[in-house]
Full PDB file with SEQRES, HELIX, SHEET, SSBOND, CRYST1, ORIGX, SCALE, CONECT and MASTER records, all heavy atoms in Angstrom:
SEQRES   1 A   40  THR GLY ARG GLY ALA GLN GLN GLY ILE THR ALA GLY GLY          
SEQRES   2 A   40  PRO ARG GLY VAL GLY SER TYR VAL VAL ASP MET LEU PRO          
SEQRES   3 A   40  LYS THR LYS LEU GLU LEU VAL VAL ARG ASP GLU ASP THR          
SEQRES   4 A   40  GLN                                                          
HELIX    1 AA1 ASP A   36  ASP A   38  5                                   3    
SHEET    1 AA1 2 ILE A   9  GLY A  12  0                                        
SHEET    2 AA1 2 SER A  19  VAL A  22 -1                                        
CRYST1    1.000    1.000    1.000  90.00  90.00  90.00 P 1           1          
ORIGX1      1.000000  0.000000  0.000000        0.00000                         
ORIGX2      0.000000  1.000000  0.000000        0.00000                         
ORIGX3      0.000000  0.000000  1.000000        0.00000                         
SCALE1      1.000000  0.000000  0.000000        0.00000                         
SCALE2      0.000000  1.000000  0.000000        0.00000                         
SCALE3      0.000000  0.000000  1.000000        0.00000                         
ATOM      1  N   THR A   1     104.893 116.837-134.500  1.00  0.00           N  
ATOM      2  CA  THR A   1     105.942 116.696-135.514  1.00  0.00           C  
ATOM      3  C   THR A   1     106.952 117.799-135.267  1.00  0.00           C  
ATOM      4  O   THR A   1     106.617 118.866-134.752  1.00  0.00           O  
ATOM      5  CB  THR A   1     105.401 116.812-136.959  1.00  0.00           C  
ATOM      6  OG1 THR A   1     104.735 118.067-137.103  1.00  0.00           O  
ATOM      7  CG2 THR A   1     104.442 115.696-137.279  1.00  0.00           C  
ATOM      8  N   GLY A   2     108.185 117.532-135.609  1.00  0.00           N  
ATOM      9  CA  GLY A   2     109.204 118.542-135.398  1.00  0.00           C  
ATOM     10  C   GLY A   2     110.546 118.086-135.920  1.00  0.00           C  
ATOM     11  O   GLY A   2     110.673 117.025-136.527  1.00  0.00           O  
ATOM     12  N   ARG A   3     111.529 118.901-135.669  1.00  0.00           N  
ATOM     13  CA  ARG A   3     112.897 118.554-136.041  1.00  0.00           C  
ATOM     14  C   ARG A   3     113.853 119.250-135.103  1.00  0.00           C  
ATOM     15  O   ARG A   3     113.550 120.276-134.512  1.00  0.00           O  
ATOM     16  CB  ARG A   3     113.206 118.919-137.488  1.00  0.00           C  
ATOM     17  CG  ARG A   3     113.289 120.410-137.753  1.00  0.00           C  
ATOM     18  CD  ARG A   3     113.673 120.665-139.175  1.00  0.00           C  
ATOM     19  NE  ARG A   3     114.012 122.068-139.342  1.00  0.00           N  
ATOM     20  CZ  ARG A   3     114.268 122.617-140.491  1.00  0.00           C  
ATOM     21  NH1 ARG A   3     114.233 121.891-141.582  1.00  0.00           N  
ATOM     22  NH2 ARG A   3     114.577 123.875-140.570  1.00  0.00           N  
ATOM     23  N   GLY A   4     115.009 118.643-134.969  1.00  0.00           N  
ATOM     24  CA  GLY A   4     116.067 119.212-134.141  1.00  0.00           C  
ATOM     25  C   GLY A   4     117.365 119.058-134.891  1.00  0.00           C  
ATOM     26  O   GLY A   4     117.430 119.289-136.109  1.00  0.00           O  
ATOM     27  N   ALA A   5     118.399 118.604-134.202  1.00  0.00           N  
ATOM     28  CA  ALA A   5     119.703 118.415-134.826  1.00  0.00           C  
ATOM     29  C   ALA A   5     119.631 117.396-135.957  1.00  0.00           C  
ATOM     30  O   ALA A   5     120.423 117.434-136.893  1.00  0.00           O  
ATOM     31  CB  ALA A   5     120.724 117.970-133.781  1.00  0.00           C  
ATOM     32  N   GLN A   6     118.664 116.486-135.860  1.00  0.00           N  
ATOM     33  CA  GLN A   6     118.499 115.447-136.874  1.00  0.00           C  
ATOM     34  C   GLN A   6     118.148 116.051-138.242  1.00  0.00           C  
ATOM     35  O   GLN A   6     118.516 115.537-139.276  1.00  0.00           O  
ATOM     36  CB  GLN A   6     117.392 114.500-136.424  1.00  0.00           C  
ATOM     37  CG  GLN A   6     117.257 113.248-137.225  1.00  0.00           C  
ATOM     38  CD  GLN A   6     116.193 112.331-136.630  1.00  0.00           C  
ATOM     39  OE1 GLN A   6     115.465 112.702-135.722  1.00  0.00           O  
ATOM     40  NE2 GLN A   6     116.116 111.147-137.151  1.00  0.00           N  
ATOM     41  N   GLN A   7     117.421 117.145-138.244  1.00  0.00           N  
ATOM     42  CA  GLN A   7     117.009 117.877-139.436  1.00  0.00           C  
ATOM     43  C   GLN A   7     116.326 117.004-140.473  1.00  0.00           C  
ATOM     44  O   GLN A   7     116.461 117.217-141.668  1.00  0.00           O  
ATOM     45  CB  GLN A   7     118.187 118.614-140.061  1.00  0.00           C  
ATOM     46  CG  GLN A   7     118.745 119.688-139.157  1.00  0.00           C  
ATOM     47  CD  GLN A   7     119.864 120.456-139.818  1.00  0.00           C  
ATOM     48  OE1 GLN A   7     120.075 120.376-141.016  1.00  0.00           O  
ATOM     49  NE2 GLN A   7     120.593 121.208-139.027  1.00  0.00           N  
ATOM     50  N   GLY A   8     115.580 116.011-140.037  1.00  0.00           N  
ATOM     51  CA  GLY A   8     114.818 115.187-140.952  1.00  0.00           C  
ATOM     52  C   GLY A   8     115.632 114.045-141.521  1.00  0.00           C  
ATOM     53  O   GLY A   8     116.750 113.775-141.100  1.00  0.00           O  
ATOM     54  N   ILE A   9     115.021 113.375-142.484  1.00  0.00           N  
ATOM     55  CA  ILE A   9     115.664 112.237-143.139  1.00  0.00           C  
ATOM     56  C   ILE A   9     115.515 112.367-144.644  1.00  0.00           C  
ATOM     57  O   ILE A   9     114.597 113.004-145.138  1.00  0.00           O  
ATOM     58  CB  ILE A   9     115.058 110.893-142.670  1.00  0.00           C  
ATOM     59  CG1 ILE A   9     113.555 110.860-142.953  1.00  0.00           C  
ATOM     60  CG2 ILE A   9     115.336 110.650-141.203  1.00  0.00           C  
ATOM     61  CD1 ILE A   9     112.910 109.519-142.710  1.00  0.00           C  
ATOM     62  N   THR A  10     116.438 111.760-145.367  1.00  0.00           N  
ATOM     63  CA  THR A  10     116.343 111.707-146.824  1.00  0.00           C  
ATOM     64  C   THR A  10     115.855 110.325-147.204  1.00  0.00           C  
ATOM     65  O   THR A  10     116.407 109.322-146.767  1.00  0.00           O  
ATOM     66  CB  THR A  10     117.712 111.981-147.471  1.00  0.00           C  
ATOM     67  OG1 THR A  10     118.161 113.276-147.048  1.00  0.00           O  
ATOM     68  CG2 THR A  10     117.616 111.957-148.978  1.00  0.00           C  
ATOM     69  N   ALA A  11     114.795 110.292-147.983  1.00  0.00           N  
ATOM     70  CA  ALA A  11     114.206 109.015-148.380  1.00  0.00           C  
ATOM     71  C   ALA A  11     114.249 108.882-149.889  1.00  0.00           C  
ATOM     72  O   ALA A  11     114.197 109.870-150.622  1.00  0.00           O  
ATOM     73  CB  ALA A  11     112.761 108.932-147.884  1.00  0.00           C  
ATOM     74  N   GLY A  12     114.348 107.654-150.348  1.00  0.00           N  
ATOM     75  CA  GLY A  12     114.326 107.406-151.783  1.00  0.00           C  
ATOM     76  C   GLY A  12     112.910 107.448-152.318  1.00  0.00           C  
ATOM     77  O   GLY A  12     111.991 106.917-151.701  1.00  0.00           O  
ATOM     78  N   GLY A  13     112.733 108.098-153.430  1.00  0.00           N  
ATOM     79  CA  GLY A  13     111.421 108.171-154.049  1.00  0.00           C  
ATOM     80  C   GLY A  13     111.184 106.981-154.954  1.00  0.00           C  
ATOM     81  O   GLY A  13     112.010 106.072-155.047  1.00  0.00           O  
ATOM     82  N   PRO A  14     110.050 106.976-155.641  1.00  0.00           N  
ATOM     83  CA  PRO A  14     109.779 105.899-156.597  1.00  0.00           C  
ATOM     84  C   PRO A  14     110.867 105.849-157.666  1.00  0.00           C  
ATOM     85  O   PRO A  14     111.540 106.850-157.931  1.00  0.00           O  
ATOM     86  CB  PRO A  14     108.440 106.298-157.210  1.00  0.00           C  
ATOM     87  CG  PRO A  14     107.831 107.272-156.251  1.00  0.00           C  
ATOM     88  CD  PRO A  14     108.974 107.934-155.555  1.00  0.00           C  
ATOM     89  N   ARG A  15     111.016 104.691-158.268  1.00  0.00           N  
ATOM     90  CA  ARG A  15     112.070 104.503-159.267  1.00  0.00           C  
ATOM     91  C   ARG A  15     112.031 105.613-160.323  1.00  0.00           C  
ATOM     92  O   ARG A  15     110.986 105.928-160.876  1.00  0.00           O  
ATOM     93  CB  ARG A  15     111.878 103.156-159.962  1.00  0.00           C  
ATOM     94  CG  ARG A  15     113.061 102.792-160.785  1.00  0.00           C  
ATOM     95  CD  ARG A  15     112.937 101.482-161.475  1.00  0.00           C  
ATOM     96  NE  ARG A  15     111.990 100.585-160.803  1.00  0.00           N  
ATOM     97  CZ  ARG A  15     111.909  99.304-161.044  1.00  0.00           C  
ATOM     98  NH1 ARG A  15     112.680  98.764-161.952  1.00  0.00           N  
ATOM     99  NH2 ARG A  15     111.043  98.549-160.423  1.00  0.00           N  
ATOM    100  N   GLY A  16     113.164 106.224-160.523  1.00  0.00           N  
ATOM    101  CA  GLY A  16     113.289 107.267-161.524  1.00  0.00           C  
ATOM    102  C   GLY A  16     112.940 108.657-161.037  1.00  0.00           C  
ATOM    103  O   GLY A  16     113.158 109.627-161.738  1.00  0.00           O  
ATOM    104  N   VAL A  17     112.396 108.802-159.837  1.00  0.00           N  
ATOM    105  CA  VAL A  17     111.990 110.114-159.335  1.00  0.00           C  
ATOM    106  C   VAL A  17     113.097 110.769-158.519  1.00  0.00           C  
ATOM    107  O   VAL A  17     113.199 111.971-158.457  1.00  0.00           O  
ATOM    108  CB  VAL A  17     110.692 110.010-158.493  1.00  0.00           C  
ATOM    109  CG1 VAL A  17     110.339 111.341-157.858  1.00  0.00           C  
ATOM    110  CG2 VAL A  17     109.550 109.516-159.352  1.00  0.00           C  
ATOM    111  N   GLY A  18     113.937 109.979-157.883  1.00  0.00           N  
ATOM    112  CA  GLY A  18     114.998 110.524-157.047  1.00  0.00           C  
ATOM    113  C   GLY A  18     114.612 110.480-155.581  1.00  0.00           C  
ATOM    114  O   GLY A  18     113.648 109.832-155.198  1.00  0.00           O  
ATOM    115  N   SER A  19     115.369 111.202-154.777  1.00  0.00           N  
ATOM    116  CA  SER A  19     115.111 111.185-153.337  1.00  0.00           C  
ATOM    117  C   SER A  19     114.436 112.484-152.909  1.00  0.00           C  
ATOM    118  O   SER A  19     114.409 113.467-153.644  1.00  0.00           O  
ATOM    119  CB  SER A  19     116.413 110.981-152.575  1.00  0.00           C  
ATOM    120  OG  SER A  19     117.288 112.049-152.826  1.00  0.00           O  
ATOM    121  N   TYR A  20     113.899 112.460-151.689  1.00  0.00           N  
ATOM    122  CA  TYR A  20     113.272 113.647-151.136  1.00  0.00           C  
ATOM    123  C   TYR A  20     113.582 113.708-149.644  1.00  0.00           C  
ATOM    124  O   TYR A  20     113.961 112.717-149.035  1.00  0.00           O  
ATOM    125  CB  TYR A  20     111.759 113.638-151.377  1.00  0.00           C  
ATOM    126  CG  TYR A  20     111.042 112.447-150.776  1.00  0.00           C  
ATOM    127  CD1 TYR A  20     110.427 112.531-149.534  1.00  0.00           C  
ATOM    128  CD2 TYR A  20     110.991 111.226-151.464  1.00  0.00           C  
ATOM    129  CE1 TYR A  20     109.795 111.443-148.984  1.00  0.00           C  
ATOM    130  CE2 TYR A  20     110.347 110.134-150.911  1.00  0.00           C  
ATOM    131  CZ  TYR A  20     109.741 110.259-149.668  1.00  0.00           C  
ATOM    132  OH  TYR A  20     109.111 109.173-149.126  1.00  0.00           O  
ATOM    133  N   VAL A  21     113.421 114.899-149.060  1.00  0.00           N  
ATOM    134  CA  VAL A  21     113.738 115.109-147.654  1.00  0.00           C  
ATOM    135  C   VAL A  21     112.438 115.256-146.862  1.00  0.00           C  
ATOM    136  O   VAL A  21     111.562 116.026-147.240  1.00  0.00           O  
ATOM    137  CB  VAL A  21     114.613 116.371-147.461  1.00  0.00           C  
ATOM    138  CG1 VAL A  21     114.818 116.671-145.986  1.00  0.00           C  
ATOM    139  CG2 VAL A  21     115.945 116.193-148.171  1.00  0.00           C  
ATOM    140  N   VAL A  22     112.325 114.495-145.784  1.00  0.00           N  
ATOM    141  CA  VAL A  22     111.228 114.653-144.828  1.00  0.00           C  
ATOM    142  C   VAL A  22     111.845 115.377-143.643  1.00  0.00           C  
ATOM    143  O   VAL A  22     112.628 114.798-142.895  1.00  0.00           O  
ATOM    144  CB  VAL A  22     110.659 113.286-144.398  1.00  0.00           C  
ATOM    145  CG1 VAL A  22     109.556 113.475-143.362  1.00  0.00           C  
ATOM    146  CG2 VAL A  22     110.154 112.506-145.601  1.00  0.00           C  
ATOM    147  N   ASP A  23     111.530 116.681-143.502  1.00  0.00           N  
ATOM    148  CA  ASP A  23     112.226 117.456-142.470  1.00  0.00           C  
ATOM    149  C   ASP A  23     111.413 117.649-141.196  1.00  0.00           C  
ATOM    150  O   ASP A  23     111.916 118.194-140.225  1.00  0.00           O  
ATOM    151  CB  ASP A  23     112.701 118.799-143.011  1.00  0.00           C  
ATOM    152  CG  ASP A  23     111.572 119.745-143.351  1.00  0.00           C  
ATOM    153  OD1 ASP A  23     110.419 119.292-143.433  1.00  0.00           O  
ATOM    154  OD2 ASP A  23     111.844 120.940-143.533  1.00  0.00           O  
ATOM    155  N   MET A  24     110.183 117.195-141.151  1.00  0.00           N  
ATOM    156  CA  MET A  24     109.373 117.242-139.933  1.00  0.00           C  
ATOM    157  C   MET A  24     108.998 115.805-139.595  1.00  0.00           C  
ATOM    158  O   MET A  24     108.218 115.176-140.294  1.00  0.00           O  
ATOM    159  CB  MET A  24     108.123 118.098-140.137  1.00  0.00           C  
ATOM    160  CG  MET A  24     108.439 119.553-140.466  1.00  0.00           C  
ATOM    161  SD  MET A  24     109.287 120.431-139.139  1.00  0.00           S  
ATOM    162  CE  MET A  24     107.936 120.716-138.026  1.00  0.00           C  
ATOM    163  N   LEU A  25     109.583 115.300-138.514  1.00  0.00           N  
ATOM    164  CA  LEU A  25     109.411 113.900-138.144  1.00  0.00           C  
ATOM    165  C   LEU A  25     108.395 113.738-137.026  1.00  0.00           C  
ATOM    166  O   LEU A  25     108.264 114.610-136.170  1.00  0.00           O  
ATOM    167  CB  LEU A  25     110.754 113.323-137.699  1.00  0.00           C  
ATOM    168  CG  LEU A  25     111.855 113.356-138.756  1.00  0.00           C  
ATOM    169  CD1 LEU A  25     113.171 112.911-138.143  1.00  0.00           C  
ATOM    170  CD2 LEU A  25     111.481 112.469-139.927  1.00  0.00           C  
ATOM    171  N   PRO A  26     107.684 112.621-137.006  1.00  0.00           N  
ATOM    172  CA  PRO A  26     106.737 112.384-135.918  1.00  0.00           C  
ATOM    173  C   PRO A  26     107.480 112.149-134.607  1.00  0.00           C  
ATOM    174  O   PRO A  26     108.470 111.416-134.561  1.00  0.00           O  
ATOM    175  CB  PRO A  26     105.988 111.124-136.359  1.00  0.00           C  
ATOM    176  CG  PRO A  26     106.871 110.463-137.353  1.00  0.00           C  
ATOM    177  CD  PRO A  26     107.701 111.539-137.984  1.00  0.00           C  
ATOM    178  N   LYS A  27     107.013 112.793-133.563  1.00  0.00           N  
ATOM    179  CA  LYS A  27     107.565 112.659-132.220  1.00  0.00           C  
ATOM    180  C   LYS A  27     106.404 112.584-131.242  1.00  0.00           C  
ATOM    181  O   LYS A  27     105.266 112.875-131.582  1.00  0.00           O  
ATOM    182  CB  LYS A  27     108.466 113.854-131.855  1.00  0.00           C  
ATOM    183  CG  LYS A  27     109.694 114.002-132.735  1.00  0.00           C  
ATOM    184  CD  LYS A  27     110.684 112.904-132.473  1.00  0.00           C  
ATOM    185  CE  LYS A  27     111.916 113.068-133.352  1.00  0.00           C  
ATOM    186  NZ  LYS A  27     112.879 112.010-133.114  1.00  0.00           N  
ATOM    187  N   THR A  28     106.704 112.220-130.016  1.00  0.00           N  
ATOM    188  CA  THR A  28     105.706 112.191-128.954  1.00  0.00           C  
ATOM    189  C   THR A  28     106.166 113.131-127.854  1.00  0.00           C  
ATOM    190  O   THR A  28     107.326 113.086-127.440  1.00  0.00           O  
ATOM    191  CB  THR A  28     105.543 110.756-128.402  1.00  0.00           C  
ATOM    192  OG1 THR A  28     105.087 109.918-129.468  1.00  0.00           O  
ATOM    193  CG2 THR A  28     104.544 110.713-127.269  1.00  0.00           C  
ATOM    194  N   LYS A  29     105.252 114.005-127.402  1.00  0.00           N  
ATOM    195  CA  LYS A  29     105.578 114.928-126.321  1.00  0.00           C  
ATOM    196  C   LYS A  29     104.868 114.466-125.052  1.00  0.00           C  
ATOM    197  O   LYS A  29     103.660 114.268-125.029  1.00  0.00           O  
ATOM    198  CB  LYS A  29     105.149 116.352-126.657  1.00  0.00           C  
ATOM    199  CG  LYS A  29     105.494 117.348-125.548  1.00  0.00           C  
ATOM    200  CD  LYS A  29     105.408 118.766-126.028  1.00  0.00           C  
ATOM    201  CE  LYS A  29     104.073 119.366-125.724  1.00  0.00           C  
ATOM    202  NZ  LYS A  29     104.046 120.820-125.932  1.00  0.00           N  
ATOM    203  N   LEU A  30     105.661 114.266-124.003  1.00  0.00           N  
ATOM    204  CA  LEU A  30     105.147 113.915-122.683  1.00  0.00           C  
ATOM    205  C   LEU A  30     105.121 115.174-121.839  1.00  0.00           C  
ATOM    206  O   LEU A  30     106.055 115.982-121.895  1.00  0.00           O  
ATOM    207  CB  LEU A  30     106.078 112.914-121.991  1.00  0.00           C  
ATOM    208  CG  LEU A  30     106.564 111.718-122.763  1.00  0.00           C  
ATOM    209  CD1 LEU A  30     107.635 110.995-121.972  1.00  0.00           C  
ATOM    210  CD2 LEU A  30     105.404 110.801-123.043  1.00  0.00           C  
ATOM    211  N   GLU A  31     104.082 115.333-121.054  1.00  0.00           N  
ATOM    212  CA  GLU A  31     104.000 116.456-120.133  1.00  0.00           C  
ATOM    213  C   GLU A  31     103.604 115.913-118.761  1.00  0.00           C  
ATOM    214  O   GLU A  31     102.616 115.196-118.638  1.00  0.00           O  
ATOM    215  CB  GLU A  31     102.950 117.467-120.587  1.00  0.00           C  
ATOM    216  CG  GLU A  31     103.216 118.042-121.957  1.00  0.00           C  
ATOM    217  CD  GLU A  31     102.107 118.962-122.443  1.00  0.00           C  
ATOM    218  OE1 GLU A  31     100.963 118.865-121.940  1.00  0.00           O  
ATOM    219  OE2 GLU A  31     102.388 119.777-123.322  1.00  0.00           O  
ATOM    220  N   LEU A  32     104.394 116.232-117.744  1.00  0.00           N  
ATOM    221  CA  LEU A  32     104.031 115.866-116.388  1.00  0.00           C  
ATOM    222  C   LEU A  32     104.497 116.951-115.438  1.00  0.00           C  
ATOM    223  O   LEU A  32     105.511 117.601-115.681  1.00  0.00           O  
ATOM    224  CB  LEU A  32     104.578 114.495-115.994  1.00  0.00           C  
ATOM    225  CG  LEU A  32     106.061 114.193-116.063  1.00  0.00           C  
ATOM    226  CD1 LEU A  32     106.378 113.051-115.115  1.00  0.00           C  
ATOM    227  CD2 LEU A  32     106.456 113.774-117.463  1.00  0.00           C  
ATOM    228  N   VAL A  33     103.730 117.168-114.398  1.00  0.00           N  
ATOM    229  CA  VAL A  33     104.096 118.135-113.369  1.00  0.00           C  
ATOM    230  C   VAL A  33     104.444 117.332-112.126  1.00  0.00           C  
ATOM    231  O   VAL A  33     103.677 116.464-111.694  1.00  0.00           O  
ATOM    232  CB  VAL A  33     102.959 119.132-113.094  1.00  0.00           C  
ATOM    233  CG1 VAL A  33     103.349 120.085-111.963  1.00  0.00           C  
ATOM    234  CG2 VAL A  33     102.637 119.918-114.360  1.00  0.00           C  
ATOM    235  N   VAL A  34     105.627 117.615-111.569  1.00  0.00           N  
ATOM    236  CA  VAL A  34     106.135 116.836-110.435  1.00  0.00           C  
ATOM    237  C   VAL A  34     106.583 117.769-109.322  1.00  0.00           C  
ATOM    238  O   VAL A  34     106.870 118.945-109.546  1.00  0.00           O  
ATOM    239  CB  VAL A  34     107.309 115.925-110.864  1.00  0.00           C  
ATOM    240  CG1 VAL A  34     106.870 114.912-111.908  1.00  0.00           C  
ATOM    241  CG2 VAL A  34     108.478 116.743-111.380  1.00  0.00           C  
ATOM    242  N   ARG A  35     106.658 117.212-108.124  1.00  0.00           N  
ATOM    243  CA  ARG A  35     107.219 117.953-106.986  1.00  0.00           C  
ATOM    244  C   ARG A  35     108.695 118.223-107.259  1.00  0.00           C  
ATOM    245  O   ARG A  35     109.339 117.478-108.001  1.00  0.00           O  
ATOM    246  CB  ARG A  35     107.067 117.121-105.716  1.00  0.00           C  
ATOM    247  CG  ARG A  35     105.642 116.904-105.286  1.00  0.00           C  
ATOM    248  CD  ARG A  35     105.567 115.943-104.099  1.00  0.00           C  
ATOM    249  NE  ARG A  35     104.215 115.817-103.617  1.00  0.00           N  
ATOM    250  CZ  ARG A  35     103.308 114.966-104.126  1.00  0.00           C  
ATOM    251  NH1 ARG A  35     103.643 114.163-105.123  1.00  0.00           N  
ATOM    252  NH2 ARG A  35     102.089 114.923-103.631  1.00  0.00           N  
ATOM    253  N   ASP A  36     109.213 119.262-106.643  1.00  0.00           N  
ATOM    254  CA  ASP A  36     110.626 119.604-106.834  1.00  0.00           C  
ATOM    255  C   ASP A  36     111.530 118.403-106.580  1.00  0.00           C  
ATOM    256  O   ASP A  36     112.465 118.147-107.332  1.00  0.00           O  
ATOM    257  CB  ASP A  36     111.042 120.765-105.918  1.00  0.00           C  
ATOM    258  CG  ASP A  36     110.456 122.096-106.361  1.00  0.00           C  
ATOM    259  OD1 ASP A  36     110.102 122.229-107.549  1.00  0.00           O  
ATOM    260  OD2 ASP A  36     110.350 123.003-105.516  1.00  0.00           O  
ATOM    261  N   GLU A  37     111.242 117.661-105.514  1.00  0.00           N  
ATOM    262  CA  GLU A  37     112.107 116.535-105.154  1.00  0.00           C  
ATOM    263  C   GLU A  37     112.000 115.362-106.133  1.00  0.00           C  
ATOM    264  O   GLU A  37     112.852 114.474-106.122  1.00  0.00           O  
ATOM    265  CB  GLU A  37     111.836 116.061-103.727  1.00  0.00           C  
ATOM    266  CG  GLU A  37     110.419 115.601-103.472  1.00  0.00           C  
ATOM    267  CD  GLU A  37     109.495 116.700-102.951  1.00  0.00           C  
ATOM    268  OE1 GLU A  37     109.802 117.900-103.107  1.00  0.00           O  
ATOM    269  OE2 GLU A  37     108.453 116.339-102.386  1.00  0.00           O  
ATOM    270  N   ASP A  38     110.981 115.348-106.999  1.00  0.00           N  
ATOM    271  CA  ASP A  38     110.828 114.275-107.987  1.00  0.00           C  
ATOM    272  C   ASP A  38     111.328 114.670-109.378  1.00  0.00           C  
ATOM    273  O   ASP A  38     111.298 113.854-110.301  1.00  0.00           O  
ATOM    274  CB  ASP A  38     109.359 113.842-108.091  1.00  0.00           C  
ATOM    275  CG  ASP A  38     108.885 113.108-106.851  1.00  0.00           C  
ATOM    276  OD1 ASP A  38     109.725 112.479-106.175  1.00  0.00           O  
ATOM    277  OD2 ASP A  38     107.670 113.160-106.561  1.00  0.00           O  
ATOM    278  N   THR A  39     111.793 115.904-109.516  1.00  0.00           N  
ATOM    279  CA  THR A  39     112.196 116.392-110.843  1.00  0.00           C  
ATOM    280  C   THR A  39     113.334 115.565-111.434  1.00  0.00           C  
ATOM    281  O   THR A  39     113.238 115.095-112.575  1.00  0.00           O  
ATOM    282  CB  THR A  39     112.595 117.884-110.769  1.00  0.00           C  
ATOM    283  OG1 THR A  39     111.459 118.638-110.335  1.00  0.00           O  
ATOM    284  CG2 THR A  39     113.056 118.396-112.124  1.00  0.00           C  
ATOM    285  N   GLN A  40     114.394 115.361-110.689  1.00  0.00           N  
ATOM    286  CA  GLN A  40     115.537 114.623-111.225  1.00  0.00           C  
ATOM    287  C   GLN A  40     115.164 113.166-111.487  1.00  0.00           C  
ATOM    288  O   GLN A  40     115.617 112.572-112.470  1.00  0.00           O  
ATOM    289  CB  GLN A  40     116.746 114.713-110.302  1.00  0.00           C  
ATOM    290  CG  GLN A  40     118.043 114.259-110.956  1.00  0.00           C  
ATOM    291  CD  GLN A  40     118.385 115.077-112.194  1.00  0.00           C  
ATOM    292  OE1 GLN A  40     118.387 116.309-112.170  1.00  0.00           O  
ATOM    293  NE2 GLN A  40     118.677 114.404-113.302  1.00  0.00           N  
TER     294      GLN A  40                                                      
MASTER        0    0    0    1    2    0    0    6  293    1    0    4          
END                                                                             
């Protein structure tokens, strides 16, 4: 989970409660090690 320039999202709460901010969003991190010539 994380945030960047997006800085989360504002979501509507249950009726009468108002909105709330979710500032840590689910993301997927990929990790791979490659030869120099395969980097680009």
